[in-house]
Amino acid sequence: MRLGLGSLINVFSIATLVANYLSGAFDRNMALNFLSHWGYFAILFAAFWEGEAVLITAGTLCGAGLLDWRLTILAAAIGGSAGDQIYFYAAHERAARAINKSKRLSKWYPKVSKFVLGHSTVAVLLSRFAAGLRITIPLVCATAGMPAKKYSILNLVSGFAWASFWVAVTYQLGTRLPLS
């Protein structure tokens, strides 16, 4: 199992909160101070690379009253969308060359490209919810010639839907945390 930097930070953060709570050392004021200064920036930064692990943690913290759910959704949507935009623009030059050089990629790329462009709106909107496609769809959309404006709008809408979904679901976990 390969853990990304965002996943490791989230696991460490949750473990620290749980350990402090169990040892009786949890200081709610210290946590609120830290999160109010750095929490939303950390979410934006982490959502740029990592996805669901960041939002599971952030949504739980929202439910526990340590983060505002509206700002959490905003930070995650912007961070996640910005990361995908970079993949999209980076793919214009590099991905096309990689596809042409690779026999395996050049074999399956036309089928994938045709499918993605034929269902471009749905592909972009749902790709964020499918593990492993978050990076693939921007690359295929860019190399297949999807207009940048269309991709950008769909990407941002998808980012807000994705962030809202995960925060809403995991918020319920946070309401059950006995932090007082």
N, C-alpha and C. Protein backbone atom coordinates (compact mmCIF):
# COMPACT_ATOMS: atom_id res chain seq x y z
N MET A 1 0.84 -1.18 0.00
CA MET A 1 0.00 0.00 0.00
C MET A 1 0.88 1.24 0.00
N ARG A 2 0.64 2.15 -0.90
CA ARG A 2 1.45 3.35 -1.03
C ARG A 2 0.69 4.52 -0.44
N LEU A 3 1.27 5.15 0.57
CA LEU A 3 0.65 6.31 1.18
C LEU A 3 1.32 7.57 0.67
N GLY A 4 0.52 8.56 0.30
CA GLY A 4 1.06 9.83 -0.12
C GLY A 4 1.36 10.71 1.09
N LEU A 5 1.99 11.82 0.83
CA LEU A 5 2.34 12.75 1.90
C LEU A 5 1.10 13.23 2.64
N GLY A 6 0.05 13.54 1.90
CA GLY A 6 -1.19 14.00 2.52
C GLY A 6 -1.79 12.95 3.44
N SER A 7 -1.75 11.69 3.02
CA SER A 7 -2.27 10.60 3.85
C SER A 7 -1.46 10.45 5.13
N LEU A 8 -0.15 10.53 5.01
CA LEU A 8 0.70 10.40 6.20
C LEU A 8 0.45 11.54 7.18
N ILE A 9 0.29 12.76 6.67
CA ILE A 9 0.02 13.89 7.54
C ILE A 9 -1.32 13.71 8.24
N ASN A 10 -2.33 13.25 7.51
CA ASN A 10 -3.65 13.03 8.10
C ASN A 10 -3.63 11.95 9.17
N VAL A 11 -2.97 10.84 8.87
CA VAL A 11 -2.88 9.76 9.85
C VAL A 11 -2.16 10.24 11.11
N PHE A 12 -1.07 10.96 10.92
CA PHE A 12 -0.32 11.49 12.06
C PHE A 12 -1.17 12.47 12.87
N SER A 13 -1.90 13.35 12.19
CA SER A 13 -2.74 14.34 12.88
C SER A 13 -3.83 13.67 13.70
N ILE A 14 -4.51 12.71 13.09
CA ILE A 14 -5.58 12.01 13.81
C ILE A 14 -5.01 11.22 14.98
N ALA A 15 -3.90 10.53 14.75
CA ALA A 15 -3.27 9.76 15.83
C ALA A 15 -2.86 10.67 16.98
N THR A 16 -2.34 11.84 16.67
CA THR A 16 -1.94 12.79 17.71
C THR A 16 -3.15 13.27 18.50
N LEU A 17 -4.23 13.61 17.79
CA LEU A 17 -5.45 14.06 18.49
C LEU A 17 -6.01 12.96 19.39
N VAL A 18 -6.06 11.75 18.88
CA VAL A 18 -6.58 10.63 19.67
C VAL A 18 -5.69 10.35 20.87
N ALA A 19 -4.37 10.33 20.65
CA ALA A 19 -3.44 10.07 21.76
C ALA A 19 -3.54 11.15 22.84
N ASN A 20 -3.65 12.39 22.40
CA ASN A 20 -3.78 13.48 23.38
C ASN A 20 -5.10 13.38 24.14
N TYR A 21 -6.16 13.03 23.41
CA TYR A 21 -7.45 12.89 24.08
C TYR A 21 -7.42 11.76 25.11
N LEU A 22 -6.88 10.61 24.70
CA LEU A 22 -6.84 9.46 25.60
C LEU A 22 -5.94 9.70 26.80
N SER A 23 -4.90 10.49 26.63
CA SER A 23 -4.01 10.77 27.76
C SER A 23 -4.52 11.93 28.60
N GLY A 24 -5.62 12.53 28.20
CA GLY A 24 -6.18 13.65 28.95
C GLY A 24 -5.48 14.96 28.64
N ALA A 25 -4.61 14.99 27.64
CA ALA A 25 -3.82 16.18 27.34
C ALA A 25 -4.39 16.99 26.18
N PHE A 26 -5.58 16.66 25.69
CA PHE A 26 -6.13 17.39 24.55
C PHE A 26 -6.50 18.80 24.99
N ASP A 27 -5.93 19.77 24.34
CA ASP A 27 -6.20 21.17 24.64
C ASP A 27 -6.99 21.74 23.47
N ARG A 28 -8.28 21.86 23.65
CA ARG A 28 -9.17 22.34 22.58
C ARG A 28 -8.77 23.73 22.11
N ASN A 29 -8.37 24.60 23.04
CA ASN A 29 -7.99 25.96 22.65
C ASN A 29 -6.74 25.97 21.77
N MET A 30 -5.79 25.11 22.10
CA MET A 30 -4.58 25.02 21.28
C MET A 30 -4.93 24.51 19.88
N ALA A 31 -5.79 23.50 19.82
CA ALA A 31 -6.20 22.96 18.52
C ALA A 31 -6.94 24.02 17.71
N LEU A 32 -7.85 24.76 18.35
CA LEU A 32 -8.59 25.81 17.66
C LEU A 32 -7.65 26.90 17.16
N ASN A 33 -6.68 27.27 17.96
CA ASN A 33 -5.72 28.30 17.56
C ASN A 33 -4.91 27.84 16.35
N PHE A 34 -4.41 26.63 16.41
CA PHE A 34 -3.63 26.10 15.29
C PHE A 34 -4.48 26.00 14.02
N LEU A 35 -5.66 25.42 14.14
CA LEU A 35 -6.51 25.23 12.97
C LEU A 35 -7.01 26.55 12.39
N SER A 36 -7.28 27.53 13.25
CA SER A 36 -7.76 28.82 12.74
C SER A 36 -6.66 29.55 11.96
N HIS A 37 -5.40 29.30 12.31
CA HIS A 37 -4.30 29.95 11.61
C HIS A 37 -3.85 29.17 10.37
N TRP A 38 -3.79 27.85 10.47
CA TRP A 38 -3.18 27.05 9.42
C TRP A 38 -4.09 25.99 8.80
N GLY A 39 -5.22 25.72 9.38
CA GLY A 39 -6.06 24.61 8.94
C GLY A 39 -6.53 24.69 7.50
N TYR A 40 -7.04 25.84 7.10
CA TYR A 40 -7.60 25.95 5.75
C TYR A 40 -6.49 25.98 4.70
N PHE A 41 -5.37 26.60 5.04
CA PHE A 41 -4.22 26.58 4.13
C PHE A 41 -3.72 25.14 3.97
N ALA A 42 -3.67 24.41 5.08
CA ALA A 42 -3.23 23.01 5.02
C ALA A 42 -4.18 22.18 4.16
N ILE A 43 -5.47 22.43 4.27
CA ILE A 43 -6.45 21.70 3.45
C ILE A 43 -6.25 22.03 1.97
N LEU A 44 -6.11 23.31 1.66
CA LEU A 44 -5.90 23.73 0.28
C LEU A 44 -4.64 23.08 -0.28
N PHE A 45 -3.56 23.15 0.47
CA PHE A 45 -2.28 22.59 0.03
C PHE A 45 -2.36 21.08 -0.13
N ALA A 46 -2.94 20.39 0.83
CA ALA A 46 -3.01 18.93 0.79
C ALA A 46 -3.98 18.44 -0.29
N ALA A 47 -5.09 19.15 -0.50
CA ALA A 47 -6.06 18.74 -1.53
C ALA A 47 -5.48 18.89 -2.92
N PHE A 48 -4.47 19.74 -3.06
CA PHE A 48 -3.78 19.91 -4.33
C PHE A 48 -3.21 18.58 -4.81
N TRP A 49 -2.68 17.77 -3.88
CA TRP A 49 -2.08 16.48 -4.24
C TRP A 49 -2.95 15.29 -3.84
N GLU A 50 -3.42 15.30 -2.65
CA GLU A 50 -4.15 14.17 -2.08
C GLU A 50 -5.64 14.52 -2.09
N GLY A 51 -6.47 13.55 -2.03
CA GLY A 51 -7.88 13.84 -2.12
C GLY A 51 -8.69 13.45 -0.91
N GLU A 52 -9.22 12.27 -0.95
CA GLU A 52 -10.21 11.85 0.04
C GLU A 52 -9.66 11.82 1.46
N ALA A 53 -8.42 11.43 1.63
CA ALA A 53 -7.86 11.36 2.99
C ALA A 53 -7.89 12.73 3.66
N VAL A 54 -7.60 13.76 2.90
CA VAL A 54 -7.63 15.13 3.43
C VAL A 54 -9.06 15.50 3.83
N LEU A 55 -10.00 15.19 2.97
CA LEU A 55 -11.38 15.57 3.25
C LEU A 55 -12.03 14.74 4.35
N ILE A 56 -11.61 13.50 4.49
CA ILE A 56 -12.13 12.69 5.60
C ILE A 56 -11.71 13.32 6.92
N THR A 57 -10.45 13.70 7.00
CA THR A 57 -9.95 14.35 8.22
C THR A 57 -10.61 15.70 8.42
N ALA A 58 -10.64 16.52 7.39
CA ALA A 58 -11.20 17.86 7.51
C ALA A 58 -12.68 17.83 7.84
N GLY A 59 -13.43 16.95 7.20
CA GLY A 59 -14.86 16.85 7.49
C GLY A 59 -15.12 16.41 8.92
N THR A 60 -14.30 15.49 9.41
CA THR A 60 -14.41 15.05 10.80
C THR A 60 -14.12 16.20 11.75
N LEU A 61 -13.11 16.99 11.44
CA LEU A 61 -12.78 18.15 12.28
C LEU A 61 -13.89 19.20 12.22
N CYS A 62 -14.56 19.32 11.09
CA CYS A 62 -15.72 20.23 11.00
C CYS A 62 -16.83 19.77 11.93
N GLY A 63 -17.12 18.49 11.90
CA GLY A 63 -18.16 17.95 12.77
C GLY A 63 -17.83 18.09 14.24
N ALA A 64 -16.54 18.06 14.57
CA ALA A 64 -16.10 18.22 15.96
C ALA A 64 -16.09 19.68 16.38
N GLY A 65 -16.38 20.58 15.44
CA GLY A 65 -16.42 22.01 15.77
C GLY A 65 -15.07 22.69 15.69
N LEU A 66 -14.07 22.04 15.11
CA LEU A 66 -12.74 22.62 15.03
C LEU A 66 -12.48 23.39 13.73
N LEU A 67 -13.29 23.16 12.72
CA LEU A 67 -13.19 23.87 11.44
C LEU A 67 -14.58 24.25 10.97
N ASP A 68 -14.67 25.31 10.18
CA ASP A 68 -15.93 25.72 9.57
C ASP A 68 -16.11 24.93 8.27
N TRP A 69 -17.25 24.30 8.11
CA TRP A 69 -17.47 23.44 6.95
C TRP A 69 -17.46 24.22 5.64
N ARG A 70 -17.94 25.47 5.65
CA ARG A 70 -17.97 26.26 4.41
C ARG A 70 -16.57 26.60 3.92
N LEU A 71 -15.71 27.03 4.84
CA LEU A 71 -14.33 27.34 4.46
C LEU A 71 -13.54 26.09 4.09
N THR A 72 -13.88 24.98 4.72
CA THR A 72 -13.23 23.71 4.41
C THR A 72 -13.56 23.29 2.98
N ILE A 73 -14.82 23.37 2.61
CA ILE A 73 -15.24 23.03 1.25
C ILE A 73 -14.57 23.96 0.24
N LEU A 74 -14.54 25.25 0.54
CA LEU A 74 -13.91 26.22 -0.36
C LEU A 74 -12.42 25.90 -0.55
N ALA A 75 -11.70 25.67 0.54
CA ALA A 75 -10.26 25.38 0.46
C ALA A 75 -10.00 24.08 -0.30
N ALA A 76 -10.76 23.04 -0.01
CA ALA A 76 -10.55 21.74 -0.67
C ALA A 76 -10.90 21.81 -2.15
N ALA A 77 -11.99 22.48 -2.48
CA ALA A 77 -12.40 22.58 -3.89
C ALA A 77 -11.37 23.35 -4.70
N ILE A 78 -10.88 24.45 -4.16
CA ILE A 78 -9.90 25.25 -4.88
C ILE A 78 -8.57 24.49 -4.99
N GLY A 79 -8.13 23.87 -3.91
CA GLY A 79 -6.88 23.12 -3.93
C GLY A 79 -6.93 21.95 -4.90
N GLY A 80 -7.99 21.15 -4.82
CA GLY A 80 -8.13 20.00 -5.72
C GLY A 80 -8.26 20.41 -7.17
N SER A 81 -9.03 21.45 -7.42
CA SER A 81 -9.21 21.92 -8.80
C SER A 81 -7.92 22.49 -9.37
N ALA A 82 -7.17 23.21 -8.54
CA ALA A 82 -5.90 23.78 -9.00
C ALA A 82 -4.92 22.67 -9.39
N GLY A 83 -4.88 21.62 -8.60
CA GLY A 83 -4.00 20.50 -8.95
C GLY A 83 -4.37 19.88 -10.27
N ASP A 84 -5.65 19.68 -10.50
CA ASP A 84 -6.10 19.09 -11.76
C ASP A 84 -5.86 20.02 -12.95
N GLN A 85 -5.96 21.34 -12.72
CA GLN A 85 -5.67 22.29 -13.79
C GLN A 85 -4.22 22.18 -14.23
N ILE A 86 -3.34 22.00 -13.27
CA ILE A 86 -1.92 21.86 -13.62
C ILE A 86 -1.70 20.60 -14.45
N TYR A 87 -2.36 19.49 -14.05
CA TYR A 87 -2.25 18.27 -14.85
C TYR A 87 -2.76 18.52 -16.28
N PHE A 88 -3.86 19.23 -16.39
CA PHE A 88 -4.46 19.51 -17.69
C PHE A 88 -3.49 20.30 -18.57
N TYR A 89 -2.94 21.39 -18.05
CA TYR A 89 -2.05 22.22 -18.85
C TYR A 89 -0.70 21.57 -19.10
N ALA A 90 -0.20 20.81 -18.15
CA ALA A 90 1.06 20.11 -18.33
C ALA A 90 0.94 19.04 -19.40
N ALA A 91 -0.25 18.48 -19.54
CA ALA A 91 -0.46 17.39 -20.49
C ALA A 91 -0.42 17.85 -21.94
N HIS A 92 -0.72 19.10 -22.19
CA HIS A 92 -0.75 19.58 -23.57
C HIS A 92 0.54 19.26 -24.31
N GLU A 93 1.66 19.41 -23.66
CA GLU A 93 2.93 19.19 -24.33
C GLU A 93 3.50 17.80 -24.05
N ARG A 94 3.54 17.42 -22.81
CA ARG A 94 4.25 16.20 -22.42
C ARG A 94 3.49 14.91 -22.72
N ALA A 95 2.21 14.89 -22.46
CA ALA A 95 1.45 13.65 -22.60
C ALA A 95 1.38 13.19 -24.06
N ALA A 96 1.20 14.13 -24.96
CA ALA A 96 1.12 13.75 -26.37
C ALA A 96 2.41 13.06 -26.83
N ARG A 97 3.55 13.58 -26.39
CA ARG A 97 4.83 12.95 -26.74
C ARG A 97 4.95 11.55 -26.12
N ALA A 98 4.52 11.42 -24.87
CA ALA A 98 4.60 10.11 -24.19
C ALA A 98 3.71 9.09 -24.87
N ILE A 99 2.53 9.52 -25.30
CA ILE A 99 1.61 8.60 -25.98
C ILE A 99 2.21 8.13 -27.31
N ASN A 100 2.80 9.04 -28.04
CA ASN A 100 3.39 8.68 -29.33
C ASN A 100 4.60 7.76 -29.19
N LYS A 101 5.33 7.88 -28.10
CA LYS A 101 6.52 7.06 -27.90
C LYS A 101 6.20 5.66 -27.38
N SER A 102 5.09 5.51 -26.69
CA SER A 102 4.76 4.24 -26.06
C SER A 102 3.81 3.42 -26.94
N LYS A 103 4.19 2.20 -27.22
CA LYS A 103 3.32 1.32 -28.01
C LYS A 103 2.04 1.00 -27.25
N ARG A 104 2.19 0.73 -25.96
CA ARG A 104 1.03 0.38 -25.14
C ARG A 104 0.04 1.54 -25.04
N LEU A 105 0.56 2.74 -24.78
CA LEU A 105 -0.31 3.91 -24.67
C LEU A 105 -0.96 4.25 -26.01
N SER A 106 -0.19 4.19 -27.07
CA SER A 106 -0.76 4.54 -28.37
C SER A 106 -1.81 3.53 -28.82
N LYS A 107 -1.77 2.33 -28.26
CA LYS A 107 -2.76 1.31 -28.61
C LYS A 107 -4.11 1.59 -27.95
N TRP A 108 -4.12 1.91 -26.66
CA TRP A 108 -5.41 2.09 -25.98
C TRP A 108 -5.87 3.54 -25.93
N TYR A 109 -4.97 4.48 -26.19
CA TYR A 109 -5.34 5.90 -26.10
C TYR A 109 -6.50 6.32 -27.01
N PRO A 110 -6.53 5.92 -28.28
CA PRO A 110 -7.65 6.35 -29.13
C PRO A 110 -9.02 5.96 -28.59
N LYS A 111 -9.12 4.77 -28.00
CA LYS A 111 -10.41 4.32 -27.45
C LYS A 111 -10.79 5.15 -26.23
N VAL A 112 -9.83 5.36 -25.35
CA VAL A 112 -10.09 6.13 -24.13
C VAL A 112 -10.41 7.57 -24.49
N SER A 113 -9.66 8.13 -25.41
CA SER A 113 -9.87 9.50 -25.84
C SER A 113 -11.26 9.69 -26.44
N LYS A 114 -11.66 8.77 -27.29
CA LYS A 114 -12.98 8.86 -27.92
C LYS A 114 -14.09 8.78 -26.87
N PHE A 115 -13.93 7.88 -25.90
CA PHE A 115 -14.93 7.74 -24.84
C PHE A 115 -15.01 9.01 -23.99
N VAL A 116 -13.84 9.51 -23.57
CA VAL A 116 -13.83 10.70 -22.70
C VAL A 116 -14.41 11.91 -23.41
N LEU A 117 -14.04 12.13 -24.66
CA LEU A 117 -14.58 13.28 -25.38
C LEU A 117 -16.07 13.11 -25.70
N GLY A 118 -16.49 11.89 -25.91
CA GLY A 118 -17.91 11.64 -26.16
C GLY A 118 -18.77 11.85 -24.93
N HIS A 119 -18.18 11.68 -23.78
CA HIS A 119 -18.88 11.85 -22.51
C HIS A 119 -18.12 12.85 -21.63
N SER A 120 -17.63 13.91 -22.22
CA SER A 120 -16.70 14.80 -21.54
C SER A 120 -17.26 15.42 -20.27
N THR A 121 -18.48 15.87 -20.30
CA THR A 121 -19.04 16.51 -19.11
C THR A 121 -19.13 15.53 -17.96
N VAL A 122 -19.70 14.38 -18.22
CA VAL A 122 -19.83 13.36 -17.17
C VAL A 122 -18.46 12.86 -16.73
N ALA A 123 -17.55 12.68 -17.68
CA ALA A 123 -16.21 12.17 -17.36
C ALA A 123 -15.49 13.11 -16.39
N VAL A 124 -15.53 14.40 -16.67
CA VAL A 124 -14.85 15.36 -15.80
C VAL A 124 -15.55 15.46 -14.45
N LEU A 125 -16.87 15.51 -14.46
CA LEU A 125 -17.61 15.66 -13.20
C LEU A 125 -17.45 14.46 -12.28
N LEU A 126 -17.40 13.26 -12.84
CA LEU A 126 -17.33 12.06 -12.01
C LEU A 126 -15.92 11.54 -11.77
N SER A 127 -14.95 12.00 -12.55
CA SER A 127 -13.59 11.46 -12.42
C SER A 127 -13.00 11.70 -11.04
N ARG A 128 -13.37 12.76 -10.41
CA ARG A 128 -12.85 13.08 -9.08
C ARG A 128 -13.32 12.07 -8.04
N PHE A 129 -14.44 11.43 -8.29
CA PHE A 129 -14.98 10.45 -7.35
C PHE A 129 -14.47 9.04 -7.60
N ALA A 130 -13.75 8.83 -8.69
CA ALA A 130 -13.24 7.49 -9.03
C ALA A 130 -11.74 7.44 -8.77
N ALA A 131 -11.36 6.58 -7.87
CA ALA A 131 -9.94 6.46 -7.50
C ALA A 131 -9.11 6.13 -8.73
N GLY A 132 -8.03 6.85 -8.90
CA GLY A 132 -7.12 6.61 -10.01
C GLY A 132 -7.42 7.41 -11.27
N LEU A 133 -8.60 7.98 -11.37
CA LEU A 133 -8.94 8.75 -12.57
C LEU A 133 -8.74 10.24 -12.40
N ARG A 134 -8.48 10.67 -11.19
CA ARG A 134 -8.33 12.11 -10.95
C ARG A 134 -7.21 12.69 -11.81
N ILE A 135 -6.14 11.95 -12.00
CA ILE A 135 -5.02 12.44 -12.81
C ILE A 135 -5.23 12.06 -14.28
N THR A 136 -5.79 10.92 -14.54
CA THR A 136 -5.94 10.42 -15.90
C THR A 136 -6.87 11.28 -16.75
N ILE A 137 -8.02 11.64 -16.21
CA ILE A 137 -9.00 12.39 -17.00
C ILE A 137 -8.47 13.74 -17.46
N PRO A 138 -7.81 14.55 -16.61
CA PRO A 138 -7.26 15.81 -17.13
C PRO A 138 -6.25 15.59 -18.26
N LEU A 139 -5.45 14.55 -18.14
CA LEU A 139 -4.46 14.27 -19.18
C LEU A 139 -5.12 13.91 -20.50
N VAL A 140 -6.12 13.04 -20.43
CA VAL A 140 -6.82 12.63 -21.65
C VAL A 140 -7.59 13.81 -22.24
N CYS A 141 -8.26 14.59 -21.40
CA CYS A 141 -9.01 15.74 -21.90
C CYS A 141 -8.10 16.73 -22.62
N ALA A 142 -6.93 16.98 -22.04
CA ALA A 142 -5.99 17.93 -22.64
C ALA A 142 -5.45 17.43 -23.97
N THR A 143 -5.00 16.18 -24.00
CA THR A 143 -4.39 15.66 -25.22
C THR A 143 -5.42 15.39 -26.31
N ALA A 144 -6.67 15.18 -25.93
CA ALA A 144 -7.72 14.93 -26.92
C ALA A 144 -8.30 16.23 -27.48
N GLY A 145 -7.91 17.35 -26.90
CA GLY A 145 -8.35 18.63 -27.46
C GLY A 145 -9.57 19.26 -26.82
N MET A 146 -9.91 18.86 -25.61
CA MET A 146 -11.03 19.52 -24.94
C MET A 146 -10.68 20.99 -24.71
N PRO A 147 -11.60 21.90 -25.00
CA PRO A 147 -11.31 23.32 -24.77
C PRO A 147 -10.99 23.58 -23.28
N ALA A 148 -9.98 24.38 -23.04
CA ALA A 148 -9.53 24.67 -21.68
C ALA A 148 -10.64 25.32 -20.84
N LYS A 149 -11.42 26.20 -21.45
CA LYS A 149 -12.49 26.88 -20.71
C LYS A 149 -13.54 25.87 -20.23
N LYS A 150 -13.92 24.95 -21.09
CA LYS A 150 -14.90 23.93 -20.73
C LYS A 150 -14.36 23.06 -19.60
N TYR A 151 -13.11 22.61 -19.76
CA TYR A 151 -12.51 21.77 -18.72
C TYR A 151 -12.43 22.52 -17.39
N SER A 152 -12.01 23.76 -17.42
CA SER A 152 -11.84 24.54 -16.19
C SER A 152 -13.15 24.70 -15.43
N ILE A 153 -14.21 25.01 -16.15
CA ILE A 153 -15.52 25.18 -15.50
C ILE A 153 -15.99 23.85 -14.90
N LEU A 154 -15.92 22.78 -15.69
CA LEU A 154 -16.35 21.47 -15.19
C LEU A 154 -15.48 21.01 -14.02
N ASN A 155 -14.20 21.28 -14.09
CA ASN A 155 -13.27 20.91 -13.03
C ASN A 155 -13.63 21.62 -11.73
N LEU A 156 -13.94 22.89 -11.79
CA LEU A 156 -14.29 23.64 -10.58
C LEU A 156 -15.62 23.17 -10.00
N VAL A 157 -16.60 22.94 -10.85
CA VAL A 157 -17.89 22.41 -10.38
C VAL A 157 -17.69 21.04 -9.73
N SER A 158 -16.89 20.20 -10.37
CA SER A 158 -16.59 18.88 -9.82
C SER A 158 -15.87 18.99 -8.49
N GLY A 159 -14.95 19.94 -8.38
CA GLY A 159 -14.22 20.14 -7.13
C GLY A 159 -15.15 20.50 -5.98
N PHE A 160 -16.12 21.37 -6.23
CA PHE A 160 -17.06 21.74 -5.18
C PHE A 160 -18.00 20.59 -4.83
N ALA A 161 -18.42 19.82 -5.82
CA ALA A 161 -19.28 18.66 -5.54
C ALA A 161 -18.53 17.62 -4.72
N TRP A 162 -17.30 17.36 -5.09
CA TRP A 162 -16.44 16.38 -4.40
C TRP A 162 -16.17 16.81 -2.96
N ALA A 163 -15.78 18.06 -2.78
CA ALA A 163 -15.49 18.55 -1.42
C ALA A 163 -16.76 18.55 -0.57
N SER A 164 -17.87 18.97 -1.13
CA SER A 164 -19.13 19.00 -0.39
C SER A 164 -19.56 17.61 0.04
N PHE A 165 -19.43 16.65 -0.87
CA PHE A 165 -19.81 15.27 -0.56
C PHE A 165 -19.00 14.74 0.62
N TRP A 166 -17.68 14.82 0.53
CA TRP A 166 -16.84 14.24 1.58
C TRP A 166 -16.97 14.96 2.91
N VAL A 167 -17.10 16.27 2.87
CA VAL A 167 -17.27 17.01 4.13
C VAL A 167 -18.62 16.66 4.75
N ALA A 168 -19.67 16.58 3.95
CA ALA A 168 -21.00 16.24 4.49
C ALA A 168 -21.02 14.85 5.10
N VAL A 169 -20.41 13.89 4.44
CA VAL A 169 -20.41 12.51 4.94
C VAL A 169 -19.59 12.39 6.22
N THR A 170 -18.38 12.94 6.20
CA THR A 170 -17.50 12.76 7.35
C THR A 170 -17.77 13.73 8.49
N TYR A 171 -18.54 14.77 8.24
CA TYR A 171 -18.97 15.68 9.30
C TYR A 171 -19.68 14.88 10.40
N GLN A 172 -20.43 13.89 9.98
CA GLN A 172 -21.18 13.07 10.93
C GLN A 172 -20.26 12.33 11.88
N LEU A 173 -19.08 11.93 11.41
CA LEU A 173 -18.10 11.28 12.28
C LEU A 173 -17.62 12.23 13.36
N GLY A 174 -17.38 13.47 12.96
CA GLY A 174 -16.88 14.47 13.90
C GLY A 174 -17.86 14.82 15.00
N THR A 175 -19.15 14.74 14.71
CA THR A 175 -20.14 15.06 15.74
C THR A 175 -20.14 14.02 16.85
N ARG A 176 -19.55 12.85 16.57
CA ARG A 176 -19.51 11.78 17.57
C ARG A 176 -18.19 11.73 18.35
N LEU A 177 -17.25 12.62 18.00
CA LEU A 177 -15.98 12.66 18.74
C LEU A 177 -16.21 13.33 20.10
N PRO A 178 -15.76 12.70 21.15
CA PRO A 178 -15.99 13.26 22.50
C PRO A 178 -14.91 14.28 22.88
N LEU A 179 -14.75 15.33 22.10
CA LEU A 179 -13.76 16.37 22.41
C LEU A 179 -14.44 17.47 23.22
N SER A 180 -14.05 17.62 24.44
CA SER A 180 -14.63 18.69 25.25
C SER A 180 -13.63 19.24 26.22
